[in-house]
N, C-alpha and C. Protein backbone atom coordinates (compact mmCIF):
# COMPACT_ATOMS: atom_id res chain seq x y z
N MET A 1 6.70 -4.79 -11.85
CA MET A 1 6.98 -3.27 -11.87
C MET A 1 8.03 -3.01 -12.20
N LYS A 2 7.82 -1.26 -12.11
CA LYS A 2 9.20 -0.74 -12.97
C LYS A 2 10.08 -0.54 -11.88
N THR A 3 11.25 -0.64 -12.48
CA THR A 3 12.27 -0.37 -11.47
C THR A 3 12.99 0.43 -11.27
N ILE A 4 11.53 1.94 -11.30
CA ILE A 4 12.14 3.00 -9.96
C ILE A 4 10.88 2.76 -8.76
N THR A 5 10.98 1.76 -8.60
CA THR A 5 9.60 1.80 -7.25
C THR A 5 11.21 1.03 -6.91
N LEU A 6 11.19 -0.51 -7.31
CA LEU A 6 12.52 -1.31 -6.37
C LEU A 6 13.62 -0.34 -5.53
N ARG A 7 14.32 0.52 -6.85
CA ARG A 7 15.51 1.36 -6.17
C ARG A 7 14.82 2.31 -5.03
N SER A 8 13.80 2.82 -5.67
CA SER A 8 13.00 3.77 -4.16
C SER A 8 13.12 2.97 -3.13
N LEU A 9 11.96 2.04 -2.74
CA LEU A 9 11.81 1.61 -1.77
C LEU A 9 12.56 0.46 -1.13
N LEU A 10 13.84 -0.44 -1.64
CA LEU A 10 14.43 -1.29 -1.26
C LEU A 10 15.91 -0.91 -0.12
N LEU A 11 16.01 -1.16 0.67
CA LEU A 11 17.01 -1.05 1.48
C LEU A 11 18.45 -0.72 0.67
N LEU A 12 19.42 0.80 0.87
CA LEU A 12 20.33 0.73 -0.22
C LEU A 12 21.60 -0.90 -0.94
N GLU A 13 21.40 -1.59 0.06
CA GLU A 13 22.48 -2.94 0.26
C GLU A 13 21.40 -3.73 -1.01
N LYS A 14 20.36 -3.65 -0.21
CA LYS A 14 19.99 -4.68 -1.38
C LYS A 14 19.25 -4.14 -3.34
N GLN A 15 19.97 -3.18 -3.12
CA GLN A 15 19.70 -2.20 -4.43
C GLN A 15 20.59 -3.33 -5.82
N GLU A 16 21.60 -3.73 -5.16
CA GLU A 16 22.71 -3.91 -5.62
C GLU A 16 22.51 -5.44 -6.28
N ASN A 17 21.62 -5.69 -5.69
CA ASN A 17 20.80 -7.47 -6.13
C ASN A 17 19.57 -6.93 -7.28
N ILE A 18 19.16 -6.35 -7.88
CA ILE A 18 18.48 -6.48 -8.48
C ILE A 18 19.11 -6.84 -9.92
N LYS A 19 18.30 -7.65 -10.43
CA LYS A 19 18.61 -7.94 -11.78
C LYS A 19 17.82 -7.42 -12.84
N ASP A 20 18.37 -7.54 -14.44
CA ASP A 20 18.04 -7.43 -15.69
C ASP A 20 17.06 -8.39 -15.61
N GLU A 21 15.21 -8.09 -14.72
CA GLU A 21 14.74 -9.05 -15.07
C GLU A 21 13.51 -8.17 -14.71
N SER A 22 12.12 -8.80 -15.26
CA SER A 22 10.67 -8.31 -14.89
C SER A 22 10.37 -8.88 -13.59
N TYR A 23 10.01 -7.89 -12.49
CA TYR A 23 9.48 -7.87 -11.20
C TYR A 23 8.10 -7.95 -10.75
N TYR A 24 7.77 -8.64 -10.16
CA TYR A 24 6.06 -8.58 -9.76
C TYR A 24 6.28 -8.59 -8.06
N PHE A 25 4.72 -7.82 -7.93
CA PHE A 25 4.50 -7.69 -6.50
C PHE A 25 3.44 -8.87 -5.75
N CYS A 26 3.88 -9.39 -4.68
CA CYS A 26 3.22 -9.99 -4.33
C CYS A 26 2.28 -9.60 -3.07
N GLY A 27 0.51 -9.64 -3.15
CA GLY A 27 -0.10 -8.91 -2.83
C GLY A 27 -0.47 -10.23 -1.22
N SER A 28 0.15 -11.10 -1.47
CA SER A 28 -0.90 -12.22 -0.25
C SER A 28 0.13 -11.63 1.23
N ALA A 29 -0.88 -11.66 2.13
CA ALA A 29 -0.67 -11.65 3.36
C ALA A 29 -0.02 -12.73 4.31
N GLU A 30 0.55 -13.59 3.66
CA GLU A 30 0.56 -14.94 4.30
C GLU A 30 2.26 -14.95 3.78
N CYS A 31 3.28 -14.67 3.30
CA CYS A 31 3.99 -15.15 2.90
C CYS A 31 4.94 -13.39 3.09
N ASP A 32 6.17 -12.97 3.45
CA ASP A 32 7.06 -12.31 3.72
C ASP A 32 7.51 -11.64 2.01
N THR A 33 7.40 -12.59 1.09
CA THR A 33 8.21 -12.29 -0.13
C THR A 33 7.26 -11.13 -0.81
N VAL A 34 7.77 -9.96 -0.88
CA VAL A 34 7.15 -8.47 -1.40
C VAL A 34 7.36 -8.45 -3.46
N TYR A 35 8.64 -8.75 -3.67
CA TYR A 35 8.66 -8.80 -4.68
C TYR A 35 9.62 -10.26 -5.93
N PHE A 36 9.18 -10.39 -6.57
CA PHE A 36 9.79 -11.72 -7.30
C PHE A 36 9.80 -11.81 -8.65
N THR A 37 10.99 -12.65 -9.42
CA THR A 37 10.90 -12.15 -10.94
C THR A 37 10.14 -13.68 -11.52
N GLY A 38 9.26 -13.43 -12.45
CA GLY A 38 8.59 -14.07 -13.56
C GLY A 38 9.09 -15.32 -12.80
N LYS A 39 9.97 -16.42 -12.86
CA LYS A 39 10.24 -17.62 -12.48
C LYS A 39 10.19 -17.86 -11.30
N GLY A 40 10.26 -16.48 -10.43
CA GLY A 40 10.57 -16.91 -9.03
C GLY A 40 11.53 -17.10 -8.22
N GLU A 41 12.67 -17.14 -9.12
CA GLU A 41 14.15 -17.23 -8.94
C GLU A 41 14.84 -16.12 -8.16
N HIS A 42 14.12 -15.25 -8.16
CA HIS A 42 14.88 -13.81 -7.21
C HIS A 42 13.84 -12.83 -6.79
N THR A 43 14.12 -12.82 -4.98
CA THR A 43 13.30 -12.46 -4.63
C THR A 43 13.81 -10.90 -3.47
N PHE A 44 12.76 -10.24 -3.10
CA PHE A 44 12.68 -9.50 -2.11
C PHE A 44 11.53 -9.58 -1.00
N ALA A 45 12.73 -9.41 0.41
CA ALA A 45 11.34 -9.81 1.43
C ALA A 45 10.83 -8.61 2.01
N LYS A 46 9.85 -8.30 3.04
CA LYS A 46 9.43 -6.98 3.68
C LYS A 46 10.64 -6.64 4.48
N ALA A 47 11.37 -7.48 4.75
CA ALA A 47 12.62 -6.71 5.47
C ALA A 47 14.00 -5.93 4.72
N ASP A 48 13.42 -6.13 3.68
CA ASP A 48 14.60 -5.95 2.43
C ASP A 48 14.08 -4.07 2.19
N LEU A 49 12.80 -3.70 2.90
CA LEU A 49 12.39 -2.36 1.95
C LEU A 49 12.36 -1.79 3.47
N THR A 50 12.60 -0.17 2.74
CA THR A 50 12.68 1.04 3.73
C THR A 50 11.44 1.18 4.15
N VAL A 51 10.16 0.92 3.69
CA VAL A 51 9.03 1.05 4.31
C VAL A 51 7.95 0.34 4.62
N ARG A 52 7.13 -0.21 5.58
CA ARG A 52 6.13 -1.38 5.99
C ARG A 52 5.30 -1.78 4.88
N VAL A 53 4.83 -2.47 4.27
CA VAL A 53 3.98 -3.37 3.27
C VAL A 53 2.36 -3.53 3.85
N GLY A 54 2.23 -2.63 4.10
CA GLY A 54 0.68 -2.32 4.70
C GLY A 54 0.10 -3.84 4.54
N VAL A 55 -0.23 -4.20 3.06
CA VAL A 55 -1.47 -5.42 3.12
C VAL A 55 -0.50 -6.89 3.85
N LYS A 56 1.10 -6.81 4.28
CA LYS A 56 1.63 -7.82 4.80
C LYS A 56 1.69 -7.67 6.08
N GLU A 57 1.19 -6.46 6.38
CA GLU A 57 1.24 -6.10 8.09
C GLU A 57 -0.07 -6.90 9.26
N LYS A 58 0.49 -7.15 10.33
CA LYS A 58 -0.11 -7.68 11.14
C LYS A 58 -0.44 -6.69 12.68
N THR A 59 0.46 -5.89 12.36
CA THR A 59 0.34 -5.12 13.44
C THR A 59 0.05 -3.53 13.21
N PHE A 60 -0.45 -1.95 13.99
CA PHE A 60 -0.32 -1.15 13.20
C PHE A 60 0.93 -0.61 13.16
N PRO A 61 1.28 0.84 12.88
CA PRO A 61 0.32 1.25 11.93
C PRO A 61 0.63 -0.27 10.84
N ARG A 62 -0.46 0.13 9.67
CA ARG A 62 -0.76 -0.57 8.69
C ARG A 62 -1.17 0.38 7.52
N PRO A 63 -0.06 0.82 6.43
CA PRO A 63 -0.20 1.80 5.63
C PRO A 63 -0.71 1.68 4.38
N VAL A 64 -1.73 2.07 3.83
CA VAL A 64 -2.75 2.00 2.84
C VAL A 64 -2.93 3.56 2.09
N CYS A 65 -2.08 4.26 2.33
CA CYS A 65 -1.91 5.14 1.23
C CYS A 65 -0.64 5.87 1.91
N TYR A 66 0.18 5.81 0.43
CA TYR A 66 1.89 6.25 0.91
C TYR A 66 1.63 7.84 0.86
N CYS A 67 1.20 8.05 -0.16
CA CYS A 67 1.72 9.48 -0.58
C CYS A 67 0.99 10.55 0.50
N PHE A 68 -0.24 10.34 0.84
CA PHE A 68 -0.85 10.88 1.93
C PHE A 68 -0.86 10.33 3.46
N ASN A 69 -0.23 9.47 3.87
CA ASN A 69 0.27 8.66 5.23
C ASN A 69 -1.30 8.45 5.67
N HIS A 70 -2.10 7.80 4.80
CA HIS A 70 -3.11 7.01 5.49
C HIS A 70 -3.14 5.61 6.27
N THR A 71 -3.77 5.74 6.94
CA THR A 71 -3.56 3.84 7.95
C THR A 71 -4.60 3.23 7.64
N VAL A 72 -4.99 1.83 7.93
CA VAL A 72 -5.99 1.14 8.10
C VAL A 72 -6.43 1.23 9.57
N GLU A 73 -6.05 1.33 10.36
CA GLU A 73 -6.47 1.81 11.62
C GLU A 73 -7.03 3.40 11.71
N GLU A 74 -6.29 4.55 10.77
CA GLU A 74 -7.24 5.60 10.84
C GLU A 74 -8.48 5.40 10.46
N ILE A 75 -8.63 4.53 8.94
CA ILE A 75 -9.68 4.66 8.77
C ILE A 75 -10.80 3.57 9.67
N ASN A 76 -10.26 2.47 10.10
CA ASN A 76 -11.41 2.16 11.14
C ASN A 76 -11.85 2.81 11.99
N GLU A 77 -10.57 3.92 12.83
CA GLU A 77 -11.16 4.62 13.82
C GLU A 77 -11.90 5.49 13.43
N GLU A 78 -11.77 6.32 12.58
CA GLU A 78 -12.60 7.52 11.82
C GLU A 78 -14.06 6.66 11.73
N ILE A 79 -14.38 5.53 11.03
CA ILE A 79 -15.53 4.89 10.70
C ILE A 79 -16.03 4.12 12.34
N LYS A 80 -15.65 4.09 13.01
CA LYS A 80 -16.12 3.56 14.02
C LYS A 80 -17.02 4.72 14.65
N ARG A 81 -16.32 6.10 14.73
CA ARG A 81 -16.71 7.15 15.60
C ARG A 81 -17.60 7.98 14.89
N THR A 82 -17.55 8.24 13.22
CA THR A 82 -18.62 9.37 12.78
C THR A 82 -19.65 7.80 11.77
N GLY A 83 -19.00 6.69 11.61
CA GLY A 83 -19.77 6.49 10.98
C GLY A 83 -19.80 6.35 9.12
N LYS A 84 -18.76 7.17 8.67
CA LYS A 84 -17.99 7.47 7.22
C LYS A 84 -16.72 7.45 7.33
N SER A 85 -15.75 7.75 6.77
CA SER A 85 -14.64 7.91 5.95
C SER A 85 -13.49 9.01 5.16
N THR A 86 -13.33 9.89 5.52
CA THR A 86 -12.99 11.06 4.62
C THR A 86 -12.07 11.06 3.74
N VAL A 87 -11.31 9.51 3.97
CA VAL A 87 -9.73 8.87 3.37
C VAL A 87 -10.00 9.75 2.00
N VAL A 88 -10.92 8.84 1.71
CA VAL A 88 -10.91 8.69 -0.15
C VAL A 88 -11.34 10.23 -0.69
N ASP A 89 -12.02 11.03 -0.06
CA ASP A 89 -12.02 12.16 -0.36
C ASP A 89 -10.50 12.92 0.21
N ASP A 90 -10.07 12.83 1.02
CA ASP A 90 -9.01 13.31 1.34
C ASP A 90 -7.53 12.83 0.49
N ILE A 91 -7.60 11.91 -0.27
CA ILE A 91 -6.63 11.44 -1.21
C ILE A 91 -6.88 12.22 -2.77
N LYS A 92 -8.28 11.91 -2.96
CA LYS A 92 -8.45 12.50 -4.14
C LYS A 92 -8.13 14.68 -4.34
N GLU A 93 -8.37 14.94 -3.22
CA GLU A 93 -8.23 16.11 -2.70
C GLU A 93 -6.66 16.54 -3.07
N GLY A 94 -6.00 15.64 -2.22
CA GLY A 94 -4.37 15.62 -2.17
C GLY A 94 -3.25 15.30 -3.51
N MET A 95 -4.77 14.72 -4.40
CA MET A 95 -4.33 14.27 -6.01
C MET A 95 -4.23 15.74 -6.73
N LYS A 96 -5.30 16.38 -6.23
CA LYS A 96 -5.41 17.74 -7.42
C LYS A 96 -3.95 18.55 -6.82
N LYS A 97 -3.85 19.02 -5.30
CA LYS A 97 -3.22 20.01 -5.19
C LYS A 97 -1.84 19.43 -5.14
N GLU A 98 -1.24 18.69 -4.88
CA GLU A 98 0.21 18.00 -5.01
C GLU A 98 0.72 16.68 -5.43
N GLY A 99 -0.45 16.41 -6.07
CA GLY A 99 -0.20 14.99 -6.77
C GLY A 99 0.07 13.87 -6.36
N CYS A 100 1.05 12.64 -6.69
CA CYS A 100 1.16 11.41 -5.93
C CYS A 100 2.41 11.10 -6.70
N SER A 101 3.47 10.10 -5.95
CA SER A 101 4.34 9.81 -6.10
C SER A 101 4.39 8.39 -5.77
N CYS A 102 3.23 7.13 -5.99
CA CYS A 102 3.48 6.04 -5.80
C CYS A 102 4.11 5.18 -6.39
N GLU A 103 4.87 5.42 -8.01
CA GLU A 103 5.62 5.06 -8.00
C GLU A 103 7.33 4.94 -6.88
N THR A 104 7.27 5.72 -6.55
CA THR A 104 8.42 5.92 -5.88
C THR A 104 7.86 5.64 -3.95
N LYS A 105 6.79 5.69 -3.65
CA LYS A 105 6.73 5.31 -2.25
C LYS A 105 5.15 4.03 -2.11
N ASN A 106 4.83 4.19 -3.09
CA ASN A 106 3.52 2.82 -2.90
C ASN A 106 4.53 1.67 -3.09
N PRO A 107 4.87 0.52 -2.26
CA PRO A 107 5.15 -0.75 -2.93
C PRO A 107 4.85 -1.62 -3.63
N GLN A 108 3.63 -1.11 -3.94
CA GLN A 108 3.10 -1.98 -5.52
C GLN A 108 3.39 -1.01 -6.42
N GLY A 109 3.44 0.17 -6.59
CA GLY A 109 4.14 0.52 -7.52
C GLY A 109 3.27 1.83 -8.27
N SER A 110 1.77 1.48 -7.67
CA SER A 110 0.52 2.21 -8.29
C SER A 110 -0.26 2.72 -7.20
N CYS A 111 -0.82 3.81 -8.00
CA CYS A 111 -2.13 4.24 -7.22
C CYS A 111 -2.96 3.88 -5.87
N CYS A 112 -3.14 4.16 -5.37
CA CYS A 112 -3.41 3.29 -4.14
C CYS A 112 -4.71 3.48 -3.84
N LEU A 113 -5.54 3.98 -4.87
CA LEU A 113 -6.95 4.73 -4.52
C LEU A 113 -8.13 3.43 -4.63
N LYS A 114 -7.55 2.56 -5.65
CA LYS A 114 -8.41 1.58 -5.73
C LYS A 114 -8.70 0.91 -4.46
N THR A 115 -7.22 0.18 -4.47
CA THR A 115 -7.15 -0.67 -2.85
C THR A 115 -8.00 0.45 -1.56
N VAL A 116 -7.86 1.44 -1.10
CA VAL A 116 -8.50 2.34 -0.49
C VAL A 116 -9.78 2.39 -0.54
N GLU A 117 -10.88 2.92 -1.53
CA GLU A 117 -11.92 2.81 -1.51
C GLU A 117 -12.15 1.05 -1.02
N SER A 118 -12.02 0.46 -1.28
CA SER A 118 -12.10 -1.14 -1.28
C SER A 118 -12.22 -1.65 0.12
N TYR A 119 -11.14 -0.92 0.53
CA TYR A 119 -10.85 -1.60 2.23
C TYR A 119 -11.79 -0.76 2.55
N VAL A 120 -12.14 0.70 2.61
CA VAL A 120 -13.33 2.03 3.23
C VAL A 120 -14.86 0.87 2.99
N GLN A 121 -14.67 0.53 1.78
CA GLN A 121 -16.16 -0.18 1.66
C GLN A 121 -16.27 -1.55 2.55
N GLU A 122 -15.21 -2.02 2.85
CA GLU A 122 -15.42 -3.44 4.16
C GLU A 122 -15.48 -2.89 5.07
N ALA A 123 -14.40 -1.92 5.60
CA ALA A 123 -14.68 -1.62 6.73
C ALA A 123 -16.05 -0.93 6.93
N LEU A 124 -16.37 -0.48 6.31
CA LEU A 124 -17.82 -0.03 6.52
C LEU A 124 -18.89 -0.99 7.09
N VAL A 125 -18.66 -1.86 5.81
CA VAL A 125 -19.48 -3.16 6.15
C VAL A 125 -19.11 -3.87 7.72
N SER A 126 -17.96 -3.98 7.74
CA SER A 126 -17.77 -4.42 9.09
C SER A 126 -18.06 -3.71 10.29
N TYR A 127 -18.12 -2.26 10.25
CA TYR A 127 -18.52 -1.69 11.26
C TYR A 127 -19.83 -1.43 11.23
N ASN A 128 -21.40 -2.14 10.22
CA ASN A 128 -22.34 -1.70 10.43
C ASN A 128 -22.92 -0.50 9.75
N ALA A 129 -22.02 0.29 9.12
CA ALA A 129 -22.02 1.84 8.74
C ALA A 129 -22.51 1.57 7.31
N GLY A 130 -22.79 0.86 6.70
CA GLY A 130 -23.17 0.64 5.24
C GLY A 130 -22.13 0.23 4.07
N PRO A 131 -22.56 -0.23 3.04
CA PRO A 131 -21.55 -0.18 2.26
C PRO A 131 -21.40 0.38 1.28
N THR A 132 -22.18 2.09 1.21
CA THR A 132 -22.09 2.82 0.05
C THR A 132 -21.84 4.39 0.91
N ARG A 133 -21.74 4.23 1.88
CA ARG A 133 -21.71 5.57 2.89
C ARG A 133 -19.89 5.93 2.68
N ARG A 134 -19.16 7.09 2.66
CA ARG A 134 -18.09 7.31 2.89
C ARG A 134 -18.28 8.21 3.89
């Protein structure tokens, strides 16, 4: 994780606890830890952030794209309604026009596109809309 991500997303009062160490993102939905140091001695939890961490949330809204404000629920609803999702195309178009701020908006500190593409494919299969349709 880059420090810019932590400084952008941690609550102001938690930023003073950032150590001069490498931090990693925990993508497990089973725990509240979001960031941890290599030895796991220093952590930040969901409650320490200014945004919801979509991969760790059980209730809506569950963000999946932070730059263009797409949620898991939006993808599911569109697929149920139309049999496809336009979210990936919307993100790609937004990247051309506005660009992204993934390092400062996404808790993972990286572009969400691959994560969104994977989720869309899973949702298409779960709603029997096919694995490759968009």
